[in-house]
Full PDB file with SEQRES, HELIX, SHEET, SSBOND, CRYST1, ORIGX, SCALE, CONECT and MASTER records, all heavy atoms in Angstrom:
SEQRES   1 A   42  THR GLU GLU LYS VAL ARG LEU ARG SER HIS CYS GLU TYR          
SEQRES   2 A   42  PHE GLY LYS ILE LEU THR ALA PRO ASP ALA ASN GLY LYS          
SEQRES   3 A   42  LYS LEU GLY PHE ILE SER GLN GLU MET GLY ARG GLU ILE          
SEQRES   4 A   42  ASN THR LEU                                                  
HELIX    1 AA1 GLU A    2  LEU A   18  1                                  17    
HELIX    2 AA2 GLY A   25  THR A   41  1                                  17    
CRYST1    1.000    1.000    1.000  90.00  90.00  90.00 P 1           1          
ORIGX1      1.000000  0.000000  0.000000        0.00000                         
ORIGX2      0.000000  1.000000  0.000000        0.00000                         
ORIGX3      0.000000  0.000000  1.000000        0.00000                         
SCALE1      1.000000  0.000000  0.000000        0.00000                         
SCALE2      0.000000  1.000000  0.000000        0.00000                         
SCALE3      0.000000  0.000000  1.000000        0.00000                         
ATOM      1  N   THR A   1     -14.540 -93.337 -15.458  1.00  0.00           N  
ATOM      2  CA  THR A   1     -13.100 -93.038 -15.433  1.00  0.00           C  
ATOM      3  C   THR A   1     -12.730 -91.976 -16.466  1.00  0.00           C  
ATOM      4  O   THR A   1     -12.019 -91.012 -16.159  1.00  0.00           O  
ATOM      5  CB  THR A   1     -12.284 -94.319 -15.693  1.00  0.00           C  
ATOM      6  OG1 THR A   1     -12.632 -95.293 -14.715  1.00  0.00           O  
ATOM      7  CG2 THR A   1     -10.788 -94.023 -15.612  1.00  0.00           C  
ATOM      8  N   GLU A   2     -13.208 -92.134 -17.704  1.00  0.00           N  
ATOM      9  CA  GLU A   2     -12.865 -91.174 -18.760  1.00  0.00           C  
ATOM     10  C   GLU A   2     -13.379 -89.779 -18.436  1.00  0.00           C  
ATOM     11  O   GLU A   2     -12.693 -88.775 -18.679  1.00  0.00           O  
ATOM     12  CB  GLU A   2     -13.438 -91.638 -20.097  1.00  0.00           C  
ATOM     13  CG  GLU A   2     -12.739 -92.855 -20.677  1.00  0.00           C  
ATOM     14  CD  GLU A   2     -13.272 -93.199 -22.065  1.00  0.00           C  
ATOM     15  OE1 GLU A   2     -14.002 -92.367 -22.652  1.00  0.00           O  
ATOM     16  OE2 GLU A   2     -12.950 -94.292 -22.552  1.00  0.00           O  
ATOM     17  N   GLU A   3     -14.578 -89.704 -17.896  1.00  0.00           N  
ATOM     18  CA  GLU A   3     -15.161 -88.403 -17.551  1.00  0.00           C  
ATOM     19  C   GLU A   3     -14.338 -87.715 -16.455  1.00  0.00           C  
ATOM     20  O   GLU A   3     -14.115 -86.495 -16.513  1.00  0.00           O  
ATOM     21  CB  GLU A   3     -16.614 -88.566 -17.083  1.00  0.00           C  
ATOM     22  CG  GLU A   3     -17.606 -88.861 -18.179  1.00  0.00           C  
ATOM     23  CD  GLU A   3     -17.524 -90.296 -18.693  1.00  0.00           C  
ATOM     24  OE1 GLU A   3     -16.905 -91.138 -18.011  1.00  0.00           O  
ATOM     25  OE2 GLU A   3     -18.069 -90.572 -19.778  1.00  0.00           O  
ATOM     26  N   LYS A   4     -13.882 -88.495 -15.480  1.00  0.00           N  
ATOM     27  CA  LYS A   4     -13.064 -87.924 -14.395  1.00  0.00           C  
ATOM     28  C   LYS A   4     -11.743 -87.402 -14.938  1.00  0.00           C  
ATOM     29  O   LYS A   4     -11.301 -86.304 -14.570  1.00  0.00           O  
ATOM     30  CB  LYS A   4     -12.805 -88.973 -13.317  1.00  0.00           C  
ATOM     31  CG  LYS A   4     -14.039 -89.373 -12.517  1.00  0.00           C  
ATOM     32  CD  LYS A   4     -13.675 -90.299 -11.361  1.00  0.00           C  
ATOM     33  CE  LYS A   4     -13.041 -91.579 -11.854  1.00  0.00           C  
ATOM     34  NZ  LYS A   4     -12.642 -92.482 -10.785  1.00  0.00           N  
ATOM     35  N   VAL A   5     -11.121 -88.180 -15.819  1.00  0.00           N  
ATOM     36  CA  VAL A   5      -9.830 -87.784 -16.398  1.00  0.00           C  
ATOM     37  C   VAL A   5      -9.986 -86.511 -17.217  1.00  0.00           C  
ATOM     38  O   VAL A   5      -9.195 -85.561 -17.100  1.00  0.00           O  
ATOM     39  CB  VAL A   5      -9.246 -88.916 -17.269  1.00  0.00           C  
ATOM     40  CG1 VAL A   5      -8.045 -88.424 -18.067  1.00  0.00           C  
ATOM     41  CG2 VAL A   5      -8.849 -90.106 -16.393  1.00  0.00           C  
ATOM     42  N   ARG A   6     -11.030 -86.472 -18.053  1.00  0.00           N  
ATOM     43  CA  ARG A   6     -11.232 -85.302 -18.909  1.00  0.00           C  
ATOM     44  C   ARG A   6     -11.585 -84.063 -18.089  1.00  0.00           C  
ATOM     45  O   ARG A   6     -11.115 -82.961 -18.374  1.00  0.00           O  
ATOM     46  CB  ARG A   6     -12.312 -85.579 -19.959  1.00  0.00           C  
ATOM     47  CG  ARG A   6     -11.846 -86.492 -21.090  1.00  0.00           C  
ATOM     48  CD  ARG A   6     -12.800 -86.420 -22.282  1.00  0.00           C  
ATOM     49  NE  ARG A   6     -14.093 -86.986 -21.960  1.00  0.00           N  
ATOM     50  CZ  ARG A   6     -14.463 -88.231 -22.240  1.00  0.00           C  
ATOM     51  NH1 ARG A   6     -13.613 -89.059 -22.832  1.00  0.00           N  
ATOM     52  NH2 ARG A   6     -15.669 -88.666 -21.935  1.00  0.00           N  
ATOM     53  N   LEU A   7     -12.427 -84.234 -17.060  1.00  0.00           N  
ATOM     54  CA  LEU A   7     -12.809 -83.101 -16.225  1.00  0.00           C  
ATOM     55  C   LEU A   7     -11.587 -82.533 -15.502  1.00  0.00           C  
ATOM     56  O   LEU A   7     -11.405 -81.308 -15.451  1.00  0.00           O  
ATOM     57  CB  LEU A   7     -13.878 -83.508 -15.210  1.00  0.00           C  
ATOM     58  CG  LEU A   7     -14.338 -82.405 -14.244  1.00  0.00           C  
ATOM     59  CD1 LEU A   7     -14.856 -81.184 -15.019  1.00  0.00           C  
ATOM     60  CD2 LEU A   7     -15.413 -82.924 -13.293  1.00  0.00           C  
ATOM     61  N   ARG A   8     -10.755 -83.413 -14.971  1.00  0.00           N  
ATOM     62  CA  ARG A   8      -9.540 -82.936 -14.294  1.00  0.00           C  
ATOM     63  C   ARG A   8      -8.636 -82.192 -15.282  1.00  0.00           C  
ATOM     64  O   ARG A   8      -8.082 -81.139 -14.955  1.00  0.00           O  
ATOM     65  CB  ARG A   8      -8.782 -84.112 -13.676  1.00  0.00           C  
ATOM     66  CG  ARG A   8      -7.479 -83.688 -12.987  1.00  0.00           C  
ATOM     67  CD  ARG A   8      -6.832 -84.795 -12.185  1.00  0.00           C  
ATOM     68  NE  ARG A   8      -7.535 -84.991 -10.916  1.00  0.00           N  
ATOM     69  CZ  ARG A   8      -8.306 -86.020 -10.644  1.00  0.00           C  
ATOM     70  NH1 ARG A   8      -8.506 -86.968 -11.556  1.00  0.00           N  
ATOM     71  NH2 ARG A   8      -8.903 -86.123  -9.474  1.00  0.00           N  
ATOM     72  N   SER A   9      -8.532 -82.724 -16.492  1.00  0.00           N  
ATOM     73  CA  SER A   9      -7.701 -82.082 -17.513  1.00  0.00           C  
ATOM     74  C   SER A   9      -8.239 -80.696 -17.873  1.00  0.00           C  
ATOM     75  O   SER A   9      -7.474 -79.729 -17.993  1.00  0.00           O  
ATOM     76  CB  SER A   9      -7.657 -82.967 -18.765  1.00  0.00           C  
ATOM     77  OG  SER A   9      -6.967 -82.335 -19.813  1.00  0.00           O  
ATOM     78  N   HIS A  10      -9.564 -80.588 -18.037  1.00  0.00           N  
ATOM     79  CA  HIS A  10     -10.174 -79.292 -18.365  1.00  0.00           C  
ATOM     80  C   HIS A  10      -9.960 -78.281 -17.234  1.00  0.00           C  
ATOM     81  O   HIS A  10      -9.662 -77.110 -17.489  1.00  0.00           O  
ATOM     82  CB  HIS A  10     -11.676 -79.452 -18.615  1.00  0.00           C  
ATOM     83  CG  HIS A  10     -11.995 -80.246 -19.840  1.00  0.00           C  
ATOM     84  ND1 HIS A  10     -11.226 -80.224 -20.971  1.00  0.00           N  
ATOM     85  CD2 HIS A  10     -13.036 -81.101 -20.115  1.00  0.00           C  
ATOM     86  CE1 HIS A  10     -11.749 -81.014 -21.887  1.00  0.00           C  
ATOM     87  NE2 HIS A  10     -12.853 -81.556 -21.392  1.00  0.00           N  
ATOM     88  N   CYS A  11     -10.118 -78.732 -15.986  1.00  0.00           N  
ATOM     89  CA  CYS A  11      -9.940 -77.835 -14.835  1.00  0.00           C  
ATOM     90  C   CYS A  11      -8.495 -77.341 -14.743  1.00  0.00           C  
ATOM     91  O   CYS A  11      -8.247 -76.161 -14.459  1.00  0.00           O  
ATOM     92  CB  CYS A  11     -10.332 -78.542 -13.536  1.00  0.00           C  
ATOM     93  SG  CYS A  11     -12.107 -78.812 -13.331  1.00  0.00           S  
ATOM     94  N   GLU A  12      -7.558 -78.236 -14.986  1.00  0.00           N  
ATOM     95  CA  GLU A  12      -6.143 -77.850 -14.938  1.00  0.00           C  
ATOM     96  C   GLU A  12      -5.809 -76.868 -16.061  1.00  0.00           C  
ATOM     97  O   GLU A  12      -5.054 -75.909 -15.856  1.00  0.00           O  
ATOM     98  CB  GLU A  12      -5.258 -79.099 -15.031  1.00  0.00           C  
ATOM     99  CG  GLU A  12      -5.308 -79.947 -13.762  1.00  0.00           C  
ATOM    100  CD  GLU A  12      -4.602 -81.285 -13.920  1.00  0.00           C  
ATOM    101  OE1 GLU A  12      -4.198 -81.616 -15.056  1.00  0.00           O  
ATOM    102  OE2 GLU A  12      -4.460 -82.003 -12.908  1.00  0.00           O  
ATOM    103  N   TYR A  13      -6.399 -77.088 -17.234  1.00  0.00           N  
ATOM    104  CA  TYR A  13      -6.174 -76.179 -18.353  1.00  0.00           C  
ATOM    105  C   TYR A  13      -6.804 -74.814 -18.072  1.00  0.00           C  
ATOM    106  O   TYR A  13      -6.243 -73.763 -18.402  1.00  0.00           O  
ATOM    107  CB  TYR A  13      -6.747 -76.784 -19.638  1.00  0.00           C  
ATOM    108  CG  TYR A  13      -6.451 -76.012 -20.893  1.00  0.00           C  
ATOM    109  CD1 TYR A  13      -5.172 -75.529 -21.147  1.00  0.00           C  
ATOM    110  CD2 TYR A  13      -7.446 -75.758 -21.832  1.00  0.00           C  
ATOM    111  CE1 TYR A  13      -4.887 -74.817 -22.310  1.00  0.00           C  
ATOM    112  CE2 TYR A  13      -7.168 -75.049 -22.998  1.00  0.00           C  
ATOM    113  CZ  TYR A  13      -5.892 -74.583 -23.222  1.00  0.00           C  
ATOM    114  OH  TYR A  13      -5.620 -73.874 -24.359  1.00  0.00           O  
ATOM    115  N   PHE A  14      -7.972 -74.836 -17.448  1.00  0.00           N  
ATOM    116  CA  PHE A  14      -8.657 -73.598 -17.058  1.00  0.00           C  
ATOM    117  C   PHE A  14      -7.756 -72.775 -16.139  1.00  0.00           C  
ATOM    118  O   PHE A  14      -7.589 -71.563 -16.330  1.00  0.00           O  
ATOM    119  CB  PHE A  14      -9.970 -73.945 -16.351  1.00  0.00           C  
ATOM    120  CG  PHE A  14     -10.861 -72.759 -16.073  1.00  0.00           C  
ATOM    121  CD1 PHE A  14     -11.826 -72.365 -16.987  1.00  0.00           C  
ATOM    122  CD2 PHE A  14     -10.751 -72.048 -14.891  1.00  0.00           C  
ATOM    123  CE1 PHE A  14     -12.655 -71.281 -16.738  1.00  0.00           C  
ATOM    124  CE2 PHE A  14     -11.569 -70.959 -14.626  1.00  0.00           C  
ATOM    125  CZ  PHE A  14     -12.525 -70.577 -15.556  1.00  0.00           C  
ATOM    126  N   GLY A  15      -7.156 -73.436 -15.137  1.00  0.00           N  
ATOM    127  CA  GLY A  15      -6.258 -72.740 -14.216  1.00  0.00           C  
ATOM    128  C   GLY A  15      -5.023 -72.203 -14.916  1.00  0.00           C  
ATOM    129  O   GLY A  15      -4.540 -71.110 -14.602  1.00  0.00           O  
ATOM    130  N   LYS A  16      -4.530 -72.935 -15.894  1.00  0.00           N  
ATOM    131  CA  LYS A  16      -3.353 -72.502 -16.658  1.00  0.00           C  
ATOM    132  C   LYS A  16      -3.656 -71.250 -17.481  1.00  0.00           C  
ATOM    133  O   LYS A  16      -2.870 -70.303 -17.513  1.00  0.00           O  
ATOM    134  CB  LYS A  16      -2.898 -73.641 -17.570  1.00  0.00           C  
ATOM    135  CG  LYS A  16      -1.662 -73.324 -18.396  1.00  0.00           C  
ATOM    136  CD  LYS A  16      -1.293 -74.507 -19.284  1.00  0.00           C  
ATOM    137  CE  LYS A  16      -0.095 -74.189 -20.179  1.00  0.00           C  
ATOM    138  NZ  LYS A  16       0.241 -75.327 -21.067  1.00  0.00           N  
ATOM    139  N   ILE A  17      -4.812 -71.248 -18.136  1.00  0.00           N  
ATOM    140  CA  ILE A  17      -5.201 -70.099 -18.956  1.00  0.00           C  
ATOM    141  C   ILE A  17      -5.447 -68.861 -18.091  1.00  0.00           C  
ATOM    142  O   ILE A  17      -5.174 -67.729 -18.506  1.00  0.00           O  
ATOM    143  CB  ILE A  17      -6.455 -70.427 -19.795  1.00  0.00           C  
ATOM    144  CG1 ILE A  17      -6.150 -71.540 -20.789  1.00  0.00           C  
ATOM    145  CG2 ILE A  17      -6.964 -69.192 -20.539  1.00  0.00           C  
ATOM    146  CD1 ILE A  17      -5.042 -71.213 -21.760  1.00  0.00           C  
ATOM    147  N   LEU A  18      -5.933 -69.069 -16.867  1.00  0.00           N  
ATOM    148  CA  LEU A  18      -6.159 -67.942 -15.960  1.00  0.00           C  
ATOM    149  C   LEU A  18      -4.876 -67.161 -15.691  1.00  0.00           C  
ATOM    150  O   LEU A  18      -4.911 -65.949 -15.472  1.00  0.00           O  
ATOM    151  CB  LEU A  18      -6.729 -68.439 -14.621  1.00  0.00           C  
ATOM    152  CG  LEU A  18      -8.243 -68.598 -14.510  1.00  0.00           C  
ATOM    153  CD1 LEU A  18      -8.597 -69.181 -13.158  1.00  0.00           C  
ATOM    154  CD2 LEU A  18      -8.963 -67.284 -14.724  1.00  0.00           C  
ATOM    155  N   THR A  19      -3.738 -67.851 -15.674  1.00  0.00           N  
ATOM    156  CA  THR A  19      -2.467 -67.198 -15.359  1.00  0.00           C  
ATOM    157  C   THR A  19      -1.662 -66.841 -16.604  1.00  0.00           C  
ATOM    158  O   THR A  19      -0.575 -66.276 -16.495  1.00  0.00           O  
ATOM    159  CB  THR A  19      -1.615 -68.118 -14.465  1.00  0.00           C  
ATOM    160  OG1 THR A  19      -1.411 -69.378 -15.130  1.00  0.00           O  
ATOM    161  CG2 THR A  19      -2.312 -68.376 -13.141  1.00  0.00           C  
ATOM    162  N   ALA A  20      -2.179 -67.169 -17.782  1.00  0.00           N  
ATOM    163  CA  ALA A  20      -1.455 -66.883 -19.026  1.00  0.00           C  
ATOM    164  C   ALA A  20      -1.529 -65.400 -19.360  1.00  0.00           C  
ATOM    165  O   ALA A  20      -2.521 -64.742 -19.056  1.00  0.00           O  
ATOM    166  CB  ALA A  20      -2.031 -67.710 -20.175  1.00  0.00           C  
ATOM    167  N   PRO A  21      -0.482 -64.843 -19.990  1.00  0.00           N  
ATOM    168  CA  PRO A  21      -0.490 -63.410 -20.319  1.00  0.00           C  
ATOM    169  C   PRO A  21      -1.555 -63.027 -21.335  1.00  0.00           C  
ATOM    170  O   PRO A  21      -2.008 -61.894 -21.375  1.00  0.00           O  
ATOM    171  CB  PRO A  21       0.922 -63.164 -20.884  1.00  0.00           C  
ATOM    172  CG  PRO A  21       1.406 -64.514 -21.316  1.00  0.00           C  
ATOM    173  CD  PRO A  21       0.776 -65.491 -20.381  1.00  0.00           C  
ATOM    174  N   ASP A  22      -1.972 -63.991 -22.169  1.00  0.00           N  
ATOM    175  CA  ASP A  22      -2.966 -63.691 -23.202  1.00  0.00           C  
ATOM    176  C   ASP A  22      -4.338 -64.279 -22.874  1.00  0.00           C  
ATOM    177  O   ASP A  22      -5.142 -64.527 -23.751  1.00  0.00           O  
ATOM    178  CB  ASP A  22      -2.507 -64.230 -24.562  1.00  0.00           C  
ATOM    179  CG  ASP A  22      -2.309 -65.744 -24.544  1.00  0.00           C  
ATOM    180  OD1 ASP A  22      -2.194 -66.306 -23.440  1.00  0.00           O  
ATOM    181  OD2 ASP A  22      -2.271 -66.361 -25.630  1.00  0.00           O  
ATOM    182  N   ALA A  23      -4.585 -64.524 -21.591  1.00  0.00           N  
ATOM    183  CA  ALA A  23      -5.862 -65.113 -21.190  1.00  0.00           C  
ATOM    184  C   ALA A  23      -7.021 -64.236 -21.630  1.00  0.00           C  
ATOM    185  O   ALA A  23      -6.930 -63.011 -21.610  1.00  0.00           O  
ATOM    186  CB  ALA A  23      -5.904 -65.302 -19.673  1.00  0.00           C  
ATOM    187  N   ASN A  24      -8.131 -64.862 -22.041  1.00  0.00           N  
ATOM    188  CA  ASN A  24      -9.299 -64.084 -22.432  1.00  0.00           C  
ATOM    189  C   ASN A  24     -10.578 -64.837 -22.106  1.00  0.00           C  
ATOM    190  O   ASN A  24     -10.579 -66.056 -21.967  1.00  0.00           O  
ATOM    191  CB  ASN A  24      -9.251 -63.728 -23.922  1.00  0.00           C  
ATOM    192  CG  ASN A  24      -9.231 -64.957 -24.797  1.00  0.00           C  
ATOM    193  OD1 ASN A  24     -10.247 -65.612 -24.973  1.00  0.00           O  
ATOM    194  ND2 ASN A  24      -8.071 -65.305 -25.345  1.00  0.00           N  
ATOM    195  N   GLY A  25     -11.647 -64.078 -21.995  1.00  0.00           N  
ATOM    196  CA  GLY A  25     -12.926 -64.640 -21.578  1.00  0.00           C  
ATOM    197  C   GLY A  25     -13.493 -65.664 -22.534  1.00  0.00           C  
ATOM    198  O   GLY A  25     -14.112 -66.634 -22.109  1.00  0.00           O  
ATOM    199  N   LYS A  26     -13.293 -65.456 -23.857  1.00  0.00           N  
ATOM    200  CA  LYS A  26     -13.844 -66.389 -24.830  1.00  0.00           C  
ATOM    201  C   LYS A  26     -13.228 -67.776 -24.668  1.00  0.00           C  
ATOM    202  O   LYS A  26     -13.928 -68.786 -24.684  1.00  0.00           O  
ATOM    203  CB  LYS A  26     -13.615 -65.861 -26.249  1.00  0.00           C  
ATOM    204  CG  LYS A  26     -14.516 -64.695 -26.619  1.00  0.00           C  
ATOM    205  CD  LYS A  26     -14.320 -64.280 -28.066  1.00  0.00           C  
ATOM    206  CE  LYS A  26     -15.268 -63.144 -28.443  1.00  0.00           C  
ATOM    207  NZ  LYS A  26     -15.084 -62.708 -29.844  1.00  0.00           N  
ATOM    208  N   LYS A  27     -11.914 -67.830 -24.536  1.00  0.00           N  
ATOM    209  CA  LYS A  27     -11.242 -69.121 -24.394  1.00  0.00           C  
ATOM    210  C   LYS A  27     -11.674 -69.811 -23.107  1.00  0.00           C  
ATOM    211  O   LYS A  27     -11.959 -71.012 -23.091  1.00  0.00           O  
ATOM    212  CB  LYS A  27      -9.728 -68.930 -24.394  1.00  0.00           C  
ATOM    213  CG  LYS A  27      -8.940 -70.236 -24.377  1.00  0.00           C  
ATOM    214  CD  LYS A  27      -7.431 -69.990 -24.359  1.00  0.00           C  
ATOM    215  CE  LYS A  27      -6.952 -69.465 -25.683  1.00  0.00           C  
ATOM    216  NZ  LYS A  27      -5.460 -69.324 -25.723  1.00  0.00           N  
ATOM    217  N   LEU A  28     -11.738 -69.055 -22.016  1.00  0.00           N  
ATOM    218  CA  LEU A  28     -12.184 -69.629 -20.746  1.00  0.00           C  
ATOM    219  C   LEU A  28     -13.638 -70.095 -20.845  1.00  0.00           C  
ATOM    220  O   LEU A  28     -14.016 -71.100 -20.233  1.00  0.00           O  
ATOM    221  CB  LEU A  28     -12.037 -68.593 -19.627  1.00  0.00           C  
ATOM    222  CG  LEU A  28     -10.596 -68.231 -19.245  1.00  0.00           C  
ATOM    223  CD1 LEU A  28     -10.583 -67.023 -18.321  1.00  0.00           C  
ATOM    224  CD2 LEU A  28      -9.895 -69.404 -18.575  1.00  0.00           C  
ATOM    225  N   GLY A  29     -14.436 -69.377 -21.619  1.00  0.00           N  
ATOM    226  CA  GLY A  29     -15.826 -69.780 -21.827  1.00  0.00           C  
ATOM    227  C   GLY A  29     -15.922 -71.125 -22.530  1.00  0.00           C  
ATOM    228  O   GLY A  29     -16.743 -71.973 -22.162  1.00  0.00           O  
ATOM    229  N   PHE A  30     -15.078 -71.344 -23.550  1.00  0.00           N  
ATOM    230  CA  PHE A  30     -15.075 -72.617 -24.267  1.00  0.00           C  
ATOM    231  C   PHE A  30     -14.680 -73.761 -23.331  1.00  0.00           C  
ATOM    232  O   PHE A  30     -15.280 -74.842 -23.366  1.00  0.00           O  
ATOM    233  CB  PHE A  30     -14.102 -72.560 -25.450  1.00  0.00           C  
ATOM    234  CG  PHE A  30     -14.489 -71.569 -26.509  1.00  0.00           C  
ATOM    235  CD1 PHE A  30     -13.517 -70.888 -27.231  1.00  0.00           C  
ATOM    236  CD2 PHE A  30     -15.821 -71.301 -26.776  1.00  0.00           C  
ATOM    237  CE1 PHE A  30     -13.869 -69.968 -28.209  1.00  0.00           C  
ATOM    238  CE2 PHE A  30     -16.190 -70.382 -27.748  1.00  0.00           C  
ATOM    239  CZ  PHE A  30     -15.201 -69.713 -28.464  1.00  0.00           C  
ATOM    240  N   ILE A  31     -13.672 -73.510 -22.489  1.00  0.00           N  
ATOM    241  CA  ILE A  31     -13.226 -74.557 -21.552  1.00  0.00           C  
ATOM    242  C   ILE A  31     -14.332 -74.874 -20.550  1.00  0.00           C  
ATOM    243  O   ILE A  31     -14.569 -76.045 -20.219  1.00  0.00           O  
ATOM    244  CB  ILE A  31     -11.944 -74.119 -20.812  1.00  0.00           C  
ATOM    245  CG1 ILE A  31     -10.819 -73.844 -21.808  1.00  0.00           C  
ATOM    246  CG2 ILE A  31     -11.499 -75.212 -19.826  1.00  0.00           C  
ATOM    247  CD1 ILE A  31      -9.606 -73.172 -21.197  1.00  0.00           C  
ATOM    248  N   SER A  32     -15.018 -73.854 -20.071  1.00  0.00           N  
ATOM    249  CA  SER A  32     -16.089 -74.086 -19.086  1.00  0.00           C  
ATOM    250  C   SER A  32     -17.224 -74.911 -19.691  1.00  0.00           C  
ATOM    251  O   SER A  32     -17.870 -75.701 -18.996  1.00  0.00           O  
ATOM    252  CB  SER A  32     -16.618 -72.755 -18.548  1.00  0.00           C  
ATOM    253  OG  SER A  32     -17.346 -72.050 -19.538  1.00  0.00           O  
ATOM    254  N   GLN A  33     -17.468 -74.741 -21.003  1.00  0.00           N  
ATOM    255  CA  GLN A  33     -18.489 -75.561 -21.671  1.00  0.00           C  
ATOM    256  C   GLN A  33     -18.090 -77.036 -21.663  1.00  0.00           C  
ATOM    257  O   GLN A  33     -18.919 -77.916 -21.432  1.00  0.00           O  
ATOM    258  CB  GLN A  33     -18.678 -75.080 -23.102  1.00  0.00           C  
ATOM    259  CG  GLN A  33     -19.395 -73.744 -23.217  1.00  0.00           C  
ATOM    260  CD  GLN A  33     -19.484 -73.267 -24.655  1.00  0.00           C  
ATOM    261  OE1 GLN A  33     -19.214 -74.002 -25.592  1.00  0.00           O  
ATOM    262  NE2 GLN A  33     -19.848 -71.998 -24.829  1.00  0.00           N  
ATOM    263  N   GLU A  34     -16.801 -77.304 -21.907  1.00  0.00           N  
ATOM    264  CA  GLU A  34     -16.315 -78.689 -21.886  1.00  0.00           C  
ATOM    265  C   GLU A  34     -16.392 -79.261 -20.474  1.00  0.00           C  
ATOM    266  O   GLU A  34     -16.737 -80.439 -20.284  1.00  0.00           O  
ATOM    267  CB  GLU A  34     -14.869 -78.747 -22.401  1.00  0.00           C  
ATOM    268  CG  GLU A  34     -14.709 -78.353 -23.864  1.00  0.00           C  
ATOM    269  CD  GLU A  34     -15.558 -79.232 -24.773  1.00  0.00           C  
ATOM    270  OE1 GLU A  34     -15.569 -80.458 -24.597  1.00  0.00           O  
ATOM    271  OE2 GLU A  34     -16.230 -78.669 -25.671  1.00  0.00           O  
ATOM    272  N   MET A  35     -16.086 -78.457 -19.485  1.00  0.00           N  
ATOM    273  CA  MET A  35     -16.216 -78.891 -18.088  1.00  0.00           C  
ATOM    274  C   MET A  35     -17.660 -79.279 -17.790  1.00  0.00           C  
ATOM    275  O   MET A  35     -17.930 -80.292 -17.139  1.00  0.00           O  
ATOM    276  CB  MET A  35     -15.759 -77.770 -17.144  1.00  0.00           C  
ATOM    277  CG  MET A  35     -14.264 -77.499 -17.180  1.00  0.00           C  
ATOM    278  SD  MET A  35     -13.800 -75.900 -16.439  1.00  0.00           S  
ATOM    279  CE  MET A  35     -14.319 -76.132 -14.734  1.00  0.00           C  
ATOM    280  N   GLY A  36     -18.588 -78.461 -18.288  1.00  0.00           N  
ATOM    281  CA  GLY A  36     -20.011 -78.732 -18.062  1.00  0.00           C  
ATOM    282  C   GLY A  36     -20.453 -80.053 -18.669  1.00  0.00           C  
ATOM    283  O   GLY A  36     -21.246 -80.785 -18.068  1.00  0.00           O  
ATOM    284  N   ARG A  37     -19.933 -80.368 -19.870  1.00  0.00           N  
ATOM    285  CA  ARG A  37     -20.295 -81.641 -20.514  1.00  0.00           C  
ATOM    286  C   ARG A  37     -19.858 -82.828 -19.666  1.00  0.00           C  
ATOM    287  O   ARG A  37     -20.607 -83.797 -19.492  1.00  0.00           O  
ATOM    288  CB  ARG A  37     -19.659 -81.718 -21.898  1.00  0.00           C  
ATOM    289  CG  ARG A  37     -20.291 -80.785 -22.916  1.00  0.00           C  
ATOM    290  CD  ARG A  37     -19.814 -81.107 -24.322  1.00  0.00           C  
ATOM    291  NE  ARG A  37     -20.380 -80.163 -25.286  1.00  0.00           N  
ATOM    292  CZ  ARG A  37     -19.762 -79.077 -25.720  1.00  0.00           C  
ATOM    293  NH1 ARG A  37     -18.540 -78.799 -25.292  1.00  0.00           N  
ATOM    294  NH2 ARG A  37     -20.342 -78.267 -26.594  1.00  0.00           N  
ATOM    295  N   GLU A  38     -18.637 -82.768 -19.160  1.00  0.00           N  
ATOM    296  CA  GLU A  38     -18.125 -83.889 -18.350  1.00  0.00           C  
ATOM    297  C   GLU A  38     -18.882 -84.015 -17.028  1.00  0.00           C  
ATOM    298  O   GLU A  38     -19.181 -85.121 -16.571  1.00  0.00           O  
ATOM    299  CB  GLU A  38     -16.623 -83.717 -18.094  1.00  0.00           C  
ATOM    300  CG  GLU A  38     -15.769 -83.609 -19.339  1.00  0.00           C  
ATOM    301  CD  GLU A  38     -15.981 -84.755 -20.316  1.00  0.00           C  
ATOM    302  OE1 GLU A  38     -16.291 -85.878 -19.878  1.00  0.00           O  
ATOM    303  OE2 GLU A  38     -15.856 -84.531 -21.536  1.00  0.00           O  
ATOM    304  N   ILE A  39     -19.201 -82.881 -16.421  1.00  0.00           N  
ATOM    305  CA  ILE A  39     -19.947 -82.901 -15.159  1.00  0.00           C  
ATOM    306  C   ILE A  39     -21.343 -83.489 -15.382  1.00  0.00           C  
ATOM    307  O   ILE A  39     -21.828 -84.308 -14.575  1.00  0.00           O  
ATOM    308  CB  ILE A  39     -20.028 -81.486 -14.546  1.00  0.00           C  
ATOM    309  CG1 ILE A  39     -18.648 -81.037 -14.068  1.00  0.00           C  
ATOM    310  CG2 ILE A  39     -21.019 -81.451 -13.376  1.00  0.00           C  
ATOM    311  CD1 ILE A  39     -18.582 -79.578 -13.638  1.00  0.00           C  
ATOM    312  N   ASN A  40     -21.982 -83.111 -16.457  1.00  0.00           N  
ATOM    313  CA  ASN A  40     -23.316 -83.646 -16.756  1.00  0.00           C  
ATOM    314  C   ASN A  40     -23.276 -85.151 -16.997  1.00  0.00           C  
ATOM    315  O   ASN A  40     -24.160 -85.879 -16.542  1.00  0.00           O  
ATOM    316  CB  ASN A  40     -23.896 -82.943 -17.990  1.00  0.00           C  
ATOM    317  CG  ASN A  40     -24.346 -81.525 -17.692  1.00  0.00           C  
ATOM    318  OD1 ASN A  40     -24.691 -81.187 -16.564  1.00  0.00           O  
ATOM    319  ND2 ASN A  40     -24.326 -80.669 -18.699  1.00  0.00           N  
ATOM    320  N   THR A  41     -22.252 -85.612 -17.717  1.00  0.00           N  
ATOM    321  CA  THR A  41     -22.123 -87.050 -17.972  1.00  0.00           C  
ATOM    322  C   THR A  41     -21.853 -87.819 -16.687  1.00  0.00           C  
ATOM    323  O   THR A  41     -22.380 -88.913 -16.487  1.00  0.00           O  
ATOM    324  CB  THR A  41     -20.993 -87.317 -18.993  1.00  0.00           C  
ATOM    325  OG1 THR A  41     -21.194 -86.507 -20.143  1.00  0.00           O  
ATOM    326  CG2 THR A  41     -20.980 -88.782 -19.412  1.00  0.00           C  
ATOM    327  N   LEU A  42     -21.031 -87.236 -15.821  1.00  0.00           N  
ATOM    328  CA  LEU A  42     -20.784 -87.850 -14.502  1.00  0.00           C  
ATOM    329  C   LEU A  42     -22.097 -88.065 -13.762  1.00  0.00           C  
ATOM    330  O   LEU A  42     -22.340 -89.132 -13.194  1.00  0.00           O  
ATOM    331  CB  LEU A  42     -19.884 -86.936 -13.665  1.00  0.00           C  
ATOM    332  CG  LEU A  42     -18.371 -87.132 -13.730  1.00  0.00           C  
ATOM    333  CD1 LEU A  42     -17.668 -86.080 -12.873  1.00  0.00           C  
ATOM    334  CD2 LEU A  42     -17.986 -88.518 -13.259  1.00  0.00           C  
TER     335      LEU A  42                                                      
MASTER        0    0    0    2    0    0    0    6  334    1    0    4          
END                                                                             
């Protein structure tokens, strides 16, 4: 349950940063790393 909640939260944040005026690759890279951790634990 926790992994699903966190993964959904990371994905939603990823989508939010994609549309932000100050979006950048480094920040998206950090979020993708967190997504990977949750997916691996799942």
